[in-house]
Amino acid sequence: MPRILICGSLAYDTISVFPDHFAKYILPDHVHRLSVSFLVNNLRREWGGCAGNIAYTLKKIGGSPVIMATLGAEDGKAYQERLNTLDIAQDGIKLVPGAYTAQATIMTDLGDNQITSFFPGAMNESYQLNVADVSDIALGIVSPDGKEGMLQHARQFHQAGIPFVLDPGQGMPMFGKEELLEMIALADIAALNDYEAELLSQKTELSLDEIAQKLRALIITYGSQGSQIFTQKESIKIPAVKPDAEIDPTGCGDAYRAGLLYGIAHKWSWHKTGQLAALLGSIKLSFSGPQNHEVDRDLLARRYFDAFGEALWS
């Protein structure tokens, strides 16, 4: 089974749902002196962080994820115990003395819009980790993490000759034009949502077509409108899969990326890889929190056949 190194954050997420739409209460003419309070009707604490979320789904479907991330020594041991329970490899995890683990506070409204605040904590020390210190890696991903860590891990994957997916996500604003161009040049594949893709285009001053030509594939997700995979030769549209229920979008993108990594590692076609990714994102949407969805290979095979009329495992 190919070992996949997942570089990114591990975090504790505090998640709430606002039972209305943010847009009703944010007045465009008054954003220069914004003072808004949203009364939420529930609150929960979840295991989170992009690396943890991706690894959770990848492990559930039979992949072999290895996490590279930093945890705070003050509160990180509980997360390590969680990963031990899930049998997820921790070869690349480091406890940072005197630090707290990254914390995200996420509020979602009824339109699946999100307002997030993030305390990086130990995540800022991810530059201390080195891809070369983890053995037998076939594929990697650089997902949102400390800025220097993301840059260094992209360079280290390239130096080691290990193909990797660039997933800058909500970390995009940290980087300037030249840094983003460097990471694109080092990466094999990039995965972004539509907003992130437009931001990447603006910051690099390249069109999406020009970015795609620099990569093996550029993958853009459009929420309920599906996703699209741009290679140097073709554009493949992947339809969204109707979820059982629309409960919580937190972590749907990470579940999607787990499907991408599985398909890429097993040398599947882009068509099949994208469909697996879309299905996993849909399954996650039906559960609260980024690491609570139940999925196994048998369930996945049935759901895949129902959605696409094709066998998943062969």
Protein backbone atom coordinates (compact mmCIF):
# COMPACT_ATOMS: atom_id res chain seq x y z
CA MET A 1 0.00 0.00 0.00
CA PRO A 2 1.60 3.34 -1.04
CA ARG A 3 2.48 5.51 1.96
CA ILE A 4 1.21 9.07 1.51
CA LEU A 5 2.81 11.90 3.51
CA ILE A 6 0.24 14.50 4.54
CA CYS A 7 1.90 17.79 5.48
CA GLY A 8 -0.48 20.21 7.13
CA SER A 9 -2.12 21.30 10.33
CA LEU A 10 -3.51 19.40 13.27
CA ALA A 11 -5.98 21.54 15.19
CA TYR A 12 -8.83 21.56 17.62
CA ASP A 13 -11.97 22.99 15.98
CA THR A 14 -14.73 24.79 17.85
CA ILE A 15 -17.73 24.72 15.50
CA SER A 16 -21.07 26.50 15.71
CA VAL A 17 -24.05 26.98 13.39
CA PHE A 18 -25.84 30.30 12.96
CA PRO A 19 -29.51 29.49 12.15
CA ASP A 20 -29.85 32.24 9.55
CA HIS A 21 -27.76 33.89 6.81
CA PHE A 22 -24.79 36.16 7.54
CA ALA A 23 -25.65 38.39 4.59
CA LYS A 24 -28.77 39.66 6.35
CA TYR A 25 -26.70 41.18 9.15
CA ILE A 26 -23.57 42.40 7.37
CA LEU A 27 -24.43 45.73 5.80
CA PRO A 28 -22.16 46.49 2.80
CA ASP A 29 -22.25 50.23 3.44
CA HIS A 30 -21.03 49.78 7.01
CA VAL A 31 -18.25 47.20 6.76
CA HIS A 32 -15.67 49.88 7.59
CA ARG A 33 -17.03 49.89 11.17
CA LEU A 34 -18.29 46.34 11.45
CA SER A 35 -19.72 45.25 14.80
CA VAL A 36 -21.83 42.12 14.50
CA SER A 37 -22.81 39.48 17.03
CA PHE A 38 -24.29 36.15 15.88
CA LEU A 39 -26.33 34.09 18.32
CA VAL A 40 -25.64 30.40 17.62
CA ASN A 41 -27.85 27.52 18.67
CA ASN A 42 -25.20 24.83 19.15
CA LEU A 43 -21.50 24.48 19.86
CA ARG A 44 -19.14 21.54 19.73
CA ARG A 45 -15.43 20.79 19.78
CA GLU A 46 -13.96 18.56 17.10
CA TRP A 47 -10.68 17.05 16.00
CA GLY A 48 -9.53 19.06 13.00
CA GLY A 49 -6.73 20.51 10.94
CA CYS A 50 -6.27 19.70 7.26
CA ALA A 51 -3.69 16.96 7.83
CA GLY A 52 -5.84 15.21 10.43
CA ASN A 53 -8.99 15.49 8.32
CA ILE A 54 -7.39 14.18 5.13
CA ALA A 55 -5.67 11.33 6.97
CA TYR A 56 -8.91 10.31 8.70
CA THR A 57 -10.81 9.75 5.44
CA LEU A 58 -7.84 8.28 3.60
CA LYS A 59 -7.35 5.69 6.35
CA LYS A 60 -11.07 4.83 6.37
CA ILE A 61 -11.01 3.90 2.67
CA GLY A 62 -7.92 1.72 2.93
CA GLY A 63 -5.14 4.21 2.27
CA SER A 64 -1.89 4.49 4.20
CA PRO A 65 -1.55 8.09 5.41
CA VAL A 66 1.44 9.38 7.35
CA ILE A 67 0.99 12.73 9.08
CA MET A 68 3.68 15.41 9.18
CA ALA A 69 2.59 18.16 11.57
CA THR A 70 3.36 19.94 14.82
CA LEU A 71 1.32 19.70 18.03
CA GLY A 72 1.65 21.79 21.16
CA ALA A 73 3.17 19.90 24.07
CA GLU A 74 0.71 21.69 26.38
CA ASP A 75 -2.36 20.00 24.86
CA GLY A 76 -1.31 17.82 21.92
CA LYS A 77 -1.03 14.39 23.53
CA ALA A 78 -4.79 13.87 23.34
CA TYR A 79 -4.60 14.22 19.55
CA GLN A 80 -1.74 11.72 19.42
CA GLU A 81 -3.86 9.25 21.37
CA ARG A 82 -6.70 9.86 18.92
CA LEU A 83 -4.43 9.04 15.97
CA ASN A 84 -3.18 5.91 17.74
CA THR A 85 -6.79 4.75 18.09
CA LEU A 86 -7.31 5.31 14.35
CA ASP A 87 -4.02 3.50 13.55
CA ILE A 88 -2.74 6.51 11.59
CA ALA A 89 1.05 6.72 11.29
CA GLN A 90 2.67 9.63 13.11
CA ASP A 91 6.22 9.36 11.77
CA GLY A 92 6.32 13.09 11.04
CA ILE A 93 4.63 14.51 14.15
CA LYS A 94 6.56 16.68 16.60
CA LEU A 95 5.44 18.03 19.99
CA VAL A 96 6.57 21.64 20.40
CA PRO A 97 7.58 22.44 24.03
CA GLY A 98 5.71 25.29 25.68
CA ALA A 99 3.23 25.67 22.83
CA TYR A 100 -0.48 25.02 22.35
CA THR A 101 -1.93 23.15 19.41
CA ALA A 102 -3.54 25.20 16.63
CA GLN A 103 -7.16 26.17 17.31
CA ALA A 104 -9.89 27.05 14.79
CA THR A 105 -13.22 28.68 15.61
CA ILE A 106 -15.68 28.11 12.76
CA MET A 107 -19.19 29.50 12.39
CA THR A 108 -21.40 28.32 9.53
CA ASP A 109 -24.70 29.81 8.40
CA LEU A 110 -27.66 28.18 6.65
CA GLY A 111 -26.14 28.96 3.25
CA ASP A 112 -22.98 26.98 4.11
CA ASN A 113 -21.01 30.24 4.35
CA GLN A 114 -18.29 30.21 6.99
CA ILE A 115 -16.55 32.73 9.23
CA THR A 116 -13.35 31.32 10.71
CA SER A 117 -10.75 32.59 13.15
CA PHE A 118 -7.54 30.64 13.54
CA PHE A 119 -4.80 30.59 16.19
CA PRO A 120 -1.76 28.84 14.66
CA GLY A 121 0.15 28.01 17.85
CA ALA A 122 2.50 25.09 17.31
CA MET A 123 1.67 25.07 13.60
CA ASN A 124 4.11 27.96 13.10
CA GLU A 125 6.93 25.55 14.00
CA SER A 126 6.20 23.15 11.14
CA TYR A 127 9.36 24.35 9.38
CA GLN A 128 11.27 22.18 11.89
CA LEU A 129 9.96 19.07 10.14
CA ASN A 130 11.71 17.52 7.14
CA VAL A 131 10.19 15.30 4.47
CA ALA A 132 13.48 13.39 4.24
CA ASP A 133 13.07 12.19 7.83
CA VAL A 134 10.09 9.99 6.86
CA SER A 135 10.87 6.83 4.90
CA ASP A 136 9.11 4.99 2.08
CA ILE A 137 6.84 7.79 0.83
CA ALA A 138 5.27 7.45 -2.62
CA LEU A 139 3.16 10.63 -2.74
CA GLY A 140 2.65 13.76 -0.69
CA ILE A 141 0.45 16.77 -0.17
CA VAL A 142 1.31 20.23 1.10
CA SER A 143 -1.87 21.50 2.73
CA PRO A 144 -2.43 24.62 4.89
CA ASP A 145 0.24 24.89 7.60
CA GLY A 146 2.80 27.39 8.83
CA LYS A 147 4.10 29.50 5.95
CA GLU A 148 7.76 28.49 6.17
CA GLY A 149 6.77 24.88 6.68
CA MET A 150 4.70 24.85 3.49
CA LEU A 151 7.51 26.39 1.45
CA GLN A 152 10.13 24.04 2.83
CA HIS A 153 8.02 20.91 2.45
CA ALA A 154 7.28 21.76 -1.19
CA ARG A 155 11.01 22.14 -1.81
CA GLN A 156 11.81 18.95 0.11
CA PHE A 157 9.29 16.86 -1.81
CA HIS A 158 10.78 18.12 -5.08
CA GLN A 159 14.35 17.49 -3.95
CA ALA A 160 13.42 13.94 -2.91
CA GLY A 161 11.74 13.28 -6.26
CA ILE A 162 8.39 12.62 -4.55
CA PRO A 163 5.33 13.87 -6.48
CA PHE A 164 3.02 16.03 -4.41
CA VAL A 165 -0.29 17.88 -4.46
CA LEU A 166 -0.20 21.59 -3.65
CA ASP A 167 -3.25 22.56 -1.56
CA PRO A 168 -2.65 26.13 -0.32
CA GLY A 169 -6.27 26.58 0.78
CA GLN A 170 -6.87 29.23 3.41
CA GLY A 171 -3.11 29.69 3.72
CA MET A 172 -3.01 31.44 0.33
CA PRO A 173 -3.01 35.04 1.70
CA MET A 174 0.32 34.37 3.46
CA PHE A 175 2.19 34.05 0.17
CA GLY A 176 3.39 36.56 -2.37
CA LYS A 177 3.53 36.15 -6.12
CA GLU A 178 7.04 34.72 -6.34
CA GLU A 179 6.45 32.22 -3.53
CA LEU A 180 3.27 30.92 -5.15
CA LEU A 181 4.98 30.66 -8.54
CA GLU A 182 7.80 28.69 -6.94
CA MET A 183 5.42 26.21 -5.29
CA ILE A 184 3.48 25.76 -8.54
CA ALA A 185 6.74 25.05 -10.35
CA LEU A 186 7.70 22.43 -7.73
CA ALA A 187 4.29 20.72 -7.53
CA ASP A 188 2.86 18.03 -9.77
CA ILE A 189 -0.79 18.76 -9.03
CA ALA A 190 -2.73 21.61 -7.42
CA ALA A 191 -6.16 21.37 -5.76
CA LEU A 192 -8.24 24.43 -4.85
CA ASN A 193 -11.83 25.55 -4.52
CA ASP A 194 -13.14 28.10 -7.00
CA TYR A 195 -12.50 31.10 -4.74
CA GLU A 196 -8.93 29.97 -4.01
CA ALA A 197 -8.32 29.36 -7.72
CA GLU A 198 -9.36 32.91 -8.60
CA LEU A 199 -7.19 34.28 -5.78
CA LEU A 200 -4.23 32.23 -7.02
CA SER A 201 -4.78 33.59 -10.52
CA GLN A 202 -4.85 37.16 -9.24
CA LYS A 203 -1.78 36.80 -7.03
CA THR A 204 0.34 35.06 -9.69
CA GLU A 205 -0.99 37.20 -12.57
CA LEU A 206 -1.55 33.99 -14.53
CA SER A 207 -4.77 32.70 -16.02
CA LEU A 208 -6.06 29.36 -14.78
CA ASP A 209 -5.19 27.88 -18.18
CA GLU A 210 -1.61 29.10 -17.80
CA ILE A 211 -1.40 27.64 -14.28
CA ALA A 212 -2.77 24.30 -15.51
CA GLN A 213 -0.08 24.14 -18.21
CA LYS A 214 2.60 24.25 -15.51
CA LEU A 215 1.14 21.22 -13.70
CA ARG A 216 0.22 17.63 -14.36
CA ALA A 217 -3.29 18.58 -13.27
CA LEU A 218 -5.16 21.52 -11.77
CA ILE A 219 -8.26 20.50 -9.81
CA ILE A 220 -10.93 23.05 -8.92
CA THR A 221 -14.01 22.31 -6.80
CA TYR A 222 -17.27 24.24 -7.11
CA GLY A 223 -19.29 22.94 -4.15
CA SER A 224 -22.71 21.70 -5.24
CA GLN A 225 -21.75 22.40 -8.88
CA GLY A 226 -19.17 19.62 -8.89
CA SER A 227 -15.51 19.93 -9.80
CA GLN A 228 -13.24 20.09 -12.80
CA ILE A 229 -9.85 18.55 -13.53
CA PHE A 230 -7.66 20.43 -15.99
CA THR A 231 -4.73 18.52 -17.47
CA GLN A 232 -2.40 19.76 -20.17
CA LYS A 233 -4.52 17.94 -22.75
CA GLU A 234 -8.12 17.96 -21.53
CA SER A 235 -10.71 19.26 -19.09
CA ILE A 236 -12.76 16.69 -17.18
CA LYS A 237 -16.00 17.68 -15.48
CA ILE A 238 -16.87 15.72 -12.34
CA PRO A 239 -20.50 15.96 -11.19
CA ALA A 240 -21.36 16.53 -7.56
CA VAL A 241 -22.94 13.62 -5.70
CA LYS A 242 -26.23 14.35 -3.95
CA PRO A 243 -25.68 13.95 -0.20
CA ASP A 244 -28.05 12.10 2.12
CA ALA A 245 -28.36 15.36 4.07
CA GLU A 246 -26.67 18.75 4.12
CA ILE A 247 -25.46 18.91 7.71
CA ASP A 248 -22.00 20.49 7.89
CA PRO A 249 -19.58 21.51 5.10
CA THR A 250 -16.58 21.65 7.45
CA GLY A 251 -13.96 19.22 6.15
CA CYS A 252 -15.70 18.37 2.87
CA GLY A 253 -12.73 19.68 0.89
CA ASP A 254 -10.37 17.55 2.96
CA ALA A 255 -12.47 14.43 2.35
CA TYR A 256 -12.39 15.27 -1.37
CA ARG A 257 -8.59 15.49 -1.24
CA ALA A 258 -8.36 12.10 0.45
CA GLY A 259 -10.10 10.65 -2.60
CA LEU A 260 -7.71 12.46 -4.92
CA LEU A 261 -4.69 11.12 -3.07
CA TYR A 262 -6.02 7.56 -3.12
CA GLY A 263 -6.71 7.64 -6.84
CA ILE A 264 -3.41 9.32 -7.72
CA ALA A 265 -1.39 6.90 -5.56
CA HIS A 266 -3.07 3.93 -7.24
CA LYS A 267 -2.62 5.39 -10.74
CA TRP A 268 -6.34 5.55 -11.47
CA SER A 269 -7.73 7.58 -14.35
CA TRP A 270 -8.55 11.21 -13.59
CA HIS A 271 -12.20 10.48 -14.27
CA LYS A 272 -12.40 7.74 -11.63
CA THR A 273 -10.19 9.63 -9.18
CA GLY A 274 -12.41 12.70 -9.39
CA GLN A 275 -15.58 10.67 -8.92
CA LEU A 276 -14.21 8.99 -5.79
CA ALA A 277 -13.21 12.40 -4.43
CA ALA A 278 -16.66 13.85 -5.16
CA LEU A 279 -18.38 10.94 -3.43
CA LEU A 280 -16.25 11.30 -0.30
CA GLY A 281 -16.99 15.01 -0.10
CA SER A 282 -20.72 14.24 -0.35
CA ILE A 283 -20.58 11.58 2.36
CA LYS A 284 -18.78 13.97 4.73
CA LEU A 285 -21.42 16.68 4.17
CA SER A 286 -24.02 14.44 5.84
CA PHE A 287 -22.14 14.43 9.17
CA SER A 288 -21.24 17.08 11.74
CA GLY A 289 -17.55 17.79 12.14
CA PRO A 290 -14.63 16.93 9.87
CA GLN A 291 -13.79 13.52 11.37
CA ASN A 292 -17.08 11.86 12.30
CA HIS A 293 -18.31 10.45 8.99
CA GLU A 294 -18.57 6.69 8.79
CA VAL A 295 -17.28 5.17 5.58
CA ASP A 296 -15.62 1.89 4.67
CA ARG A 297 -14.72 0.17 1.41
CA ASP A 298 -17.94 -1.85 1.16
CA LEU A 299 -20.15 1.20 1.75
CA LEU A 300 -18.07 3.21 -0.66
CA ALA A 301 -18.41 0.58 -3.38
CA ARG A 302 -22.20 0.58 -3.06
CA ARG A 303 -22.48 4.36 -3.01
CA TYR A 304 -20.09 4.70 -5.95
CA PHE A 305 -22.10 2.27 -8.07
CA ASP A 306 -25.34 4.02 -7.17
CA ALA A 307 -23.88 7.41 -8.11
CA PHE A 308 -21.95 6.54 -11.24
CA GLY A 309 -23.12 3.10 -12.39
CA GLU A 310 -19.57 1.73 -12.29
CA ALA A 311 -17.62 -0.64 -10.07
CA LEU A 312 -15.19 1.13 -7.73
CA TRP A 313 -12.82 -1.64 -6.68
CA SER A 314 -11.49 -3.92 -9.39
